[in-house]
Amino acid sequence: MNTTTLSMVTIYSDVMAILLLVGLMLIPRGTGKKDAATGIFVTMALGVIFLALGNTVRAALYGQHFTWAEPVALAAQTVSELASVFTVYQWILYVDYKLYGSRDHLKRRFPVLFIPIILLSVILLVNTGTGILFTIGEDISFTPTVMYYFMVGIEFLYLLMAVVFMAVYVARGGKKKFFSTAPVIIPVLLGSVVSLVTDYSARALGLAVGLVFLYFSMAAGWRFGDKNSGFFNKEYLTYLRKTGNAYLGSICFKAAGDASGIEGILKSELPRDSIIIRNDQNSYLFLTETDAEPELLFLAELVKKAADLRDESGHRGKAICLEYTINTRSADQDTGELFLKN
């Protein structure tokens, strides 16, 4: 394939990646709630866009012999590689937050994982004057070194690390809740392999397709999200009835006052992977995989004590006045819509 044709294939691939991600970000999400995962997802999309733009600029300069062509191509490729490095790091953050839903968990785990990213970024900047990772030839050809493939290997490691995080999370009894890493990993790996073993550049397109697949793989669960609280809505009860209810117990929390107050307490006191359904404005249903009353009572009292302490402190002058009802399948209680039965 001649240089001109190769350049056009690369440009078309990268432009397609940009259009896919711009269109994706223009699609409204299923819920109105903005969380850390949304911000990280947008950051990943922007990273891929910068990666594609860098590739496009370098491809457009293929075969050019202007004085400024080589330094501009080198700068463009450096921007592209930096964007790639930071995108895989954002992917790790995204997976962790989708699994645990905790900013504190991110802060504890990921400063260490950020160190290699900083080192790679410094090396990429140093490369512009040394060529230890790659060089740009007079005809704007890209020539990688052994160190470049080492850097790509680290990026692959970060991508696959997310799969390990998912496996560990599920092995410990966690629920994925309409989230999987497979829709991203497969097209990303395919695009990266094509870029490494051929003269085609498909890395940005692979990442873009991966993010699109991820977006729509989660779309099925968005209809179950409550826009105000971030919990599940009533439709999730219907979904469980149709798919089979595996939960053995439930605790129904009812607040006579401040709904936002109880939401914060439920998030802080109950396990992070809890299934919490907002039944109405002041009623919340917590589904459990156990019907052992001592365990249910412990969790219920834990939440109630936190609510009582908040009420006693007169927090913002809004009382919660929390009450709860424990339901177990073994007790065969008739609790109407609040408790599911197979």
Protein backbone atom coordinates (compact mmCIF):
# COMPACT_ATOMS: atom_id res chain seq x y z
CA MET A 1 0.00 0.00 0.00
CA ASN A 2 1.39 3.39 -0.91
CA THR A 3 1.89 6.18 1.57
CA THR A 4 -1.09 8.23 0.40
CA THR A 5 -3.52 5.32 0.66
CA LEU A 6 -2.13 4.33 4.07
CA SER A 7 -2.56 7.90 5.29
CA MET A 8 -6.18 8.05 4.12
CA VAL A 9 -7.04 4.72 5.80
CA THR A 10 -5.57 6.00 9.08
CA ILE A 11 -7.36 9.33 8.77
CA TYR A 12 -10.71 7.66 8.00
CA SER A 13 -10.26 5.32 10.97
CA ASP A 14 -9.46 8.14 13.38
CA VAL A 15 -12.19 10.44 12.08
CA MET A 16 -14.68 7.60 12.52
CA ALA A 17 -13.49 7.18 16.12
CA ILE A 18 -13.96 10.90 16.78
CA LEU A 19 -17.44 10.96 15.25
CA LEU A 20 -18.49 7.90 17.27
CA LEU A 21 -17.43 9.48 20.55
CA VAL A 22 -18.79 12.94 19.82
CA GLY A 23 -22.13 11.34 18.93
CA LEU A 24 -21.98 9.20 22.05
CA MET A 25 -21.46 12.20 24.33
CA LEU A 26 -24.43 13.95 22.72
CA ILE A 27 -26.77 11.08 23.62
CA PRO A 28 -28.56 11.78 26.91
CA ARG A 29 -27.97 9.30 29.71
CA GLY A 30 -30.75 7.17 31.08
CA THR A 31 -30.76 9.01 34.42
CA GLY A 32 -30.29 12.62 35.36
CA LYS A 33 -27.89 11.83 38.19
CA LYS A 34 -24.28 12.92 37.63
CA ASP A 35 -21.66 10.90 39.47
CA ALA A 36 -17.92 10.29 39.34
CA ALA A 37 -18.38 7.48 36.81
CA THR A 38 -19.95 9.91 34.34
CA GLY A 39 -17.04 12.32 34.65
CA ILE A 40 -14.48 9.53 34.22
CA PHE A 41 -16.31 8.18 31.18
CA VAL A 42 -16.29 11.62 29.53
CA THR A 43 -12.57 11.96 30.34
CA MET A 44 -11.91 8.60 28.67
CA ALA A 45 -13.85 9.69 25.59
CA LEU A 46 -11.89 12.95 25.39
CA GLY A 47 -8.64 11.00 25.78
CA VAL A 48 -9.52 8.80 22.80
CA ILE A 49 -10.48 11.90 20.78
CA PHE A 50 -7.05 13.44 21.46
CA LEU A 51 -5.42 10.12 20.58
CA ALA A 52 -7.27 10.07 17.26
CA LEU A 53 -6.51 13.74 16.54
CA GLY A 54 -2.79 13.14 17.08
CA ASN A 55 -2.86 10.16 14.73
CA THR A 56 -4.80 12.16 12.15
CA VAL A 57 -2.32 15.03 12.14
CA ARG A 58 0.65 12.69 11.75
CA ALA A 59 -1.11 10.71 9.00
CA ALA A 60 -1.96 13.91 7.14
CA LEU A 61 1.76 14.77 7.09
CA TYR A 62 2.88 11.42 5.63
CA GLY A 63 5.37 11.99 2.82
CA GLN A 64 5.62 15.74 3.41
CA HIS A 65 9.08 17.35 3.44
CA PHE A 66 8.33 20.79 4.83
CA THR A 67 10.72 22.07 7.48
CA TRP A 68 8.00 22.05 10.11
CA ALA A 69 6.41 18.72 9.12
CA GLU A 70 8.68 16.50 11.22
CA PRO A 71 8.46 18.42 14.53
CA VAL A 72 4.70 18.85 14.15
CA ALA A 73 4.29 15.12 13.47
CA LEU A 74 6.46 14.29 16.49
CA ALA A 75 4.38 16.59 18.71
CA ALA A 76 1.15 15.10 17.37
CA GLN A 77 2.33 11.54 18.00
CA THR A 78 3.46 12.49 21.51
CA VAL A 79 0.03 13.94 22.29
CA SER A 80 -1.55 10.76 20.93
CA GLU A 81 0.62 8.52 23.11
CA LEU A 82 0.04 10.64 26.22
CA ALA A 83 -3.70 10.46 25.61
CA SER A 84 -3.48 6.67 25.31
CA VAL A 85 -1.57 6.33 28.58
CA PHE A 86 -4.00 8.48 30.55
CA THR A 87 -7.04 6.82 28.97
CA VAL A 88 -6.08 3.34 30.22
CA TYR A 89 -5.56 4.80 33.69
CA GLN A 90 -9.01 6.40 33.57
CA TRP A 91 -10.38 2.99 32.56
CA ILE A 92 -9.05 1.49 35.80
CA LEU A 93 -10.68 4.30 37.78
CA TYR A 94 -13.95 3.84 35.94
CA VAL A 95 -14.15 0.11 36.59
CA ASP A 96 -13.36 0.55 40.29
CA TYR A 97 -16.01 3.22 40.77
CA LYS A 98 -18.65 1.24 38.88
CA LEU A 99 -17.97 -1.74 41.12
CA TYR A 100 -17.65 -0.07 44.52
CA GLY A 101 -19.27 3.34 44.00
CA SER A 102 -16.81 4.95 46.42
CA ARG A 103 -14.50 7.91 45.93
CA ASP A 104 -12.66 6.89 49.10
CA HIS A 105 -11.93 3.49 47.57
CA LEU A 106 -10.37 5.22 44.55
CA LYS A 107 -8.22 7.43 46.75
CA ARG A 108 -6.90 4.49 48.75
CA ARG A 109 -6.05 2.19 45.89
CA PHE A 110 -4.96 4.24 42.92
CA PRO A 111 -2.19 6.66 43.85
CA VAL A 112 0.22 3.72 43.54
CA LEU A 113 -1.16 2.82 40.11
CA PHE A 114 -0.72 6.43 39.02
CA ILE A 115 3.06 6.32 39.52
CA PRO A 116 3.75 4.26 36.34
CA ILE A 117 1.53 6.64 34.39
CA ILE A 118 3.57 9.62 35.53
CA LEU A 119 6.82 7.84 34.67
CA LEU A 120 5.55 6.93 31.19
CA SER A 121 4.44 10.52 30.64
CA VAL A 122 7.88 11.84 31.58
CA ILE A 123 9.55 9.32 29.26
CA LEU A 124 7.24 10.35 26.42
CA LEU A 125 8.24 13.99 26.89
CA VAL A 126 11.92 13.03 27.06
CA ASN A 127 11.43 10.99 23.88
CA THR A 128 10.85 14.14 21.85
CA GLY A 129 14.55 14.92 22.20
CA THR A 130 16.05 11.44 22.53
CA GLY A 131 13.96 9.00 20.47
CA ILE A 132 14.12 6.30 23.16
CA LEU A 133 10.52 5.24 22.46
CA PHE A 134 9.98 6.13 18.80
CA THR A 135 11.25 8.40 16.06
CA ILE A 136 9.63 10.25 13.20
CA GLY A 137 11.57 9.93 9.93
CA GLU A 138 12.03 12.51 7.19
CA ASP A 139 9.03 11.10 5.34
CA ILE A 140 7.03 11.25 8.62
CA SER A 141 7.32 7.50 9.07
CA PHE A 142 6.85 6.09 12.58
CA THR A 143 9.66 3.89 13.88
CA PRO A 144 9.12 2.33 17.33
CA THR A 145 11.91 1.02 19.57
CA VAL A 146 11.87 -1.93 21.98
CA MET A 147 11.04 0.51 24.79
CA TYR A 148 7.90 1.56 22.90
CA TYR A 149 6.57 -2.00 22.96
CA PHE A 150 7.36 -2.12 26.68
CA MET A 151 5.15 0.95 27.14
CA VAL A 152 2.36 -0.67 25.11
CA GLY A 153 2.71 -3.75 27.30
CA ILE A 154 2.08 -1.64 30.40
CA GLU A 155 -1.04 -0.19 28.78
CA PHE A 156 -2.29 -3.72 28.02
CA LEU A 157 -1.59 -4.61 31.65
CA TYR A 158 -3.80 -1.75 32.84
CA LEU A 159 -6.60 -2.84 30.53
CA LEU A 160 -6.44 -6.44 31.73
CA MET A 161 -6.07 -5.35 35.36
CA ALA A 162 -9.65 -4.11 35.16
CA VAL A 163 -10.75 -7.65 34.27
CA VAL A 164 -8.92 -8.95 37.34
CA PHE A 165 -10.62 -6.34 39.53
CA MET A 166 -13.98 -7.47 38.17
CA ALA A 167 -13.19 -11.15 38.78
CA VAL A 168 -12.08 -10.50 42.37
CA TYR A 169 -15.15 -8.39 43.03
CA VAL A 170 -17.53 -11.07 41.75
CA ALA A 171 -15.63 -13.84 43.57
CA ARG A 172 -16.24 -11.95 46.82
CA GLY A 173 -19.97 -11.96 46.17
CA GLY A 174 -20.31 -8.57 44.48
CA LYS A 175 -23.05 -7.85 41.94
CA LYS A 176 -22.07 -6.34 38.59
CA LYS A 177 -25.42 -4.51 38.21
CA PHE A 178 -25.53 -4.33 34.39
CA PHE A 179 -21.79 -3.67 34.12
CA SER A 180 -19.12 -5.76 32.37
CA THR A 181 -15.58 -5.12 31.10
CA ALA A 182 -15.89 -7.47 28.10
CA PRO A 183 -17.56 -4.95 25.74
CA VAL A 184 -14.50 -2.70 26.07
CA ILE A 185 -11.62 -5.16 26.25
CA ILE A 186 -12.41 -7.14 23.09
CA PRO A 187 -12.53 -4.28 20.51
CA VAL A 188 -9.64 -2.48 22.22
CA LEU A 189 -7.41 -5.55 22.03
CA LEU A 190 -8.37 -6.15 18.40
CA GLY A 191 -7.64 -2.53 17.43
CA SER A 192 -4.31 -2.55 19.27
CA VAL A 193 -3.19 -5.84 17.70
CA VAL A 194 -4.06 -4.57 14.22
CA SER A 195 -2.00 -1.42 14.88
CA LEU A 196 0.98 -3.43 16.11
CA VAL A 197 1.17 -6.11 13.39
CA THR A 198 0.10 -4.06 10.35
CA ASP A 199 0.68 -0.60 8.90
CA TYR A 200 -2.89 0.37 9.71
CA SER A 201 -3.71 2.50 12.75
CA ALA A 202 -6.84 1.11 14.42
CA ARG A 203 -6.08 1.79 18.09
CA ALA A 204 -8.32 4.87 18.43
CA LEU A 205 -11.16 3.17 16.57
CA GLY A 206 -10.87 0.10 18.82
CA LEU A 207 -11.07 2.28 21.93
CA ALA A 208 -14.00 4.26 20.52
CA VAL A 209 -15.95 1.13 19.61
CA GLY A 210 -15.19 -0.29 23.06
CA LEU A 211 -16.63 2.78 24.79
CA VAL A 212 -19.70 2.70 22.54
CA PHE A 213 -20.25 -0.98 23.34
CA LEU A 214 -19.83 -0.24 27.05
CA TYR A 215 -22.31 2.64 26.90
CA PHE A 216 -25.06 0.58 25.30
CA SER A 217 -24.35 -2.52 27.37
CA MET A 218 -25.24 -0.47 30.46
CA ALA A 219 -28.21 1.27 28.85
CA ALA A 220 -30.50 -1.65 29.74
CA GLY A 221 -30.02 -0.89 33.43
CA TRP A 222 -30.57 2.86 33.24
CA ARG A 223 -34.35 2.51 33.26
CA PHE A 224 -34.02 1.08 36.77
CA GLY A 225 -32.14 4.08 38.14
CA ASP A 226 -33.83 6.63 40.39
CA LYS A 227 -32.84 10.08 39.14
CA ASN A 228 -32.86 11.78 42.53
CA SER A 229 -31.34 9.26 44.94
CA GLY A 230 -29.07 7.17 42.73
CA PHE A 231 -30.78 3.99 44.02
CA PHE A 232 -33.02 1.68 42.01
CA ASN A 233 -36.61 2.65 41.21
CA LYS A 234 -39.82 0.63 41.44
CA GLU A 235 -39.32 -0.82 37.97
CA TYR A 236 -36.46 -2.87 39.35
CA LEU A 237 -38.97 -4.79 41.47
CA THR A 238 -40.83 -5.75 38.30
CA TYR A 239 -37.54 -6.76 36.68
CA LEU A 240 -36.74 -9.06 39.63
CA ARG A 241 -40.17 -10.65 39.46
CA LYS A 242 -39.64 -11.48 35.79
CA THR A 243 -36.04 -12.70 36.10
CA GLY A 244 -36.45 -14.52 39.41
CA ASN A 245 -36.02 -13.04 42.85
CA ALA A 246 -32.99 -14.45 44.66
CA TYR A 247 -33.29 -12.19 47.69
CA LEU A 248 -34.45 -13.84 50.91
CA GLY A 249 -35.09 -10.82 53.08
CA SER A 250 -35.72 -7.11 53.04
CA ILE A 251 -35.79 -4.10 55.31
CA CYS A 252 -38.23 -1.33 54.56
CA PHE A 253 -37.07 2.04 55.91
CA LYS A 254 -39.63 4.82 56.22
CA ALA A 255 -38.81 8.42 57.08
CA ALA A 256 -41.34 10.87 58.40
CA GLY A 257 -39.14 13.81 57.46
CA ASP A 258 -36.04 14.61 55.44
CA ALA A 259 -35.66 12.15 52.53
CA SER A 260 -32.22 13.39 51.51
CA GLY A 261 -31.01 12.74 55.04
CA ILE A 262 -31.98 9.09 55.03
CA GLU A 263 -30.42 8.60 51.58
CA GLY A 264 -27.04 9.71 52.87
CA ILE A 265 -27.33 7.44 55.90
CA LEU A 266 -28.31 4.41 53.82
CA LYS A 267 -25.29 4.96 51.57
CA SER A 268 -22.89 5.29 54.47
CA GLU A 269 -24.22 2.60 56.85
CA LEU A 270 -25.26 -0.22 54.52
CA PRO A 271 -22.74 -2.32 52.52
CA ARG A 272 -21.50 -0.60 49.37
CA ASP A 273 -22.94 -3.26 47.07
CA SER A 274 -26.43 -2.98 48.56
CA ILE A 275 -29.58 -3.29 46.48
CA ILE A 276 -31.65 -0.30 47.64
CA ILE A 277 -34.94 0.60 45.97
CA ARG A 278 -36.67 3.92 46.40
CA ASN A 279 -40.25 2.79 46.84
CA ASP A 280 -41.75 6.26 47.18
CA GLN A 281 -40.72 9.71 48.35
CA ASN A 282 -39.90 8.65 51.92
CA SER A 283 -39.74 4.85 51.70
CA TYR A 284 -36.70 2.73 50.80
CA LEU A 285 -36.42 -1.03 50.41
CA PHE A 286 -33.13 -2.79 51.15
CA LEU A 287 -32.97 -6.32 49.68
CA THR A 288 -30.74 -8.93 51.33
CA GLU A 289 -29.43 -12.37 50.43
CA THR A 290 -30.06 -13.62 53.96
CA ASP A 291 -33.26 -14.17 55.91
CA ALA A 292 -31.46 -14.42 59.28
CA GLU A 293 -33.35 -12.02 61.51
CA PRO A 294 -30.36 -11.21 63.78
CA GLU A 295 -28.39 -9.97 60.76
CA LEU A 296 -31.33 -7.98 59.43
CA LEU A 297 -31.97 -6.47 62.86
CA PHE A 298 -28.32 -5.50 63.19
CA LEU A 299 -28.33 -3.64 59.85
CA ALA A 300 -31.69 -2.04 60.56
CA GLU A 301 -30.61 -0.83 64.00
CA LEU A 302 -27.33 0.43 62.56
CA VAL A 303 -29.21 2.68 60.16
CA LYS A 304 -31.77 3.74 62.77
CA LYS A 305 -29.11 4.73 65.31
CA ALA A 306 -27.36 6.85 62.68
CA ALA A 307 -30.69 8.52 61.90
CA ASP A 308 -31.45 9.09 65.60
CA LEU A 309 -28.03 10.67 66.16
CA ARG A 310 -28.62 12.96 63.22
CA ASP A 311 -32.06 13.94 64.52
CA GLU A 312 -30.66 14.64 68.00
CA SER A 313 -27.98 16.90 66.56
CA GLY A 314 -30.65 18.94 64.79
CA HIS A 315 -28.79 18.64 61.50
CA ARG A 316 -29.95 21.60 59.37
CA GLY A 317 -33.18 21.55 61.34
CA LYS A 318 -34.56 18.59 59.34
CA ALA A 319 -35.62 15.51 61.31
CA ILE A 320 -35.72 12.04 59.77
CA CYS A 321 -37.75 10.12 62.40
CA LEU A 322 -36.87 6.76 60.85
CA GLU A 323 -38.89 3.57 61.26
CA TYR A 324 -38.20 0.16 59.75
CA THR A 325 -39.92 -3.14 59.02
CA ILE A 326 -38.05 -6.43 58.62
CA ASN A 327 -39.39 -9.02 56.18
CA THR A 328 -38.13 -12.58 55.63
CA ARG A 329 -39.29 -15.19 53.18
CA SER A 330 -39.11 -17.87 55.87
CA ALA A 331 -41.61 -15.91 57.95
CA ASP A 332 -44.00 -16.00 54.98
CA GLN A 333 -45.18 -12.49 55.70
CA ASP A 334 -47.55 -10.78 53.31
CA THR A 335 -45.92 -7.43 52.64
CA GLY A 336 -47.55 -6.57 49.34
CA GLU A 337 -45.30 -4.78 46.87
CA LEU A 338 -42.53 -4.26 49.37
CA PHE A 339 -41.34 -7.88 49.37
CA LEU A 340 -40.90 -10.10 46.32
CA LYS A 341 -42.04 -13.69 46.17
CA ASN A 342 -41.25 -16.24 43.47
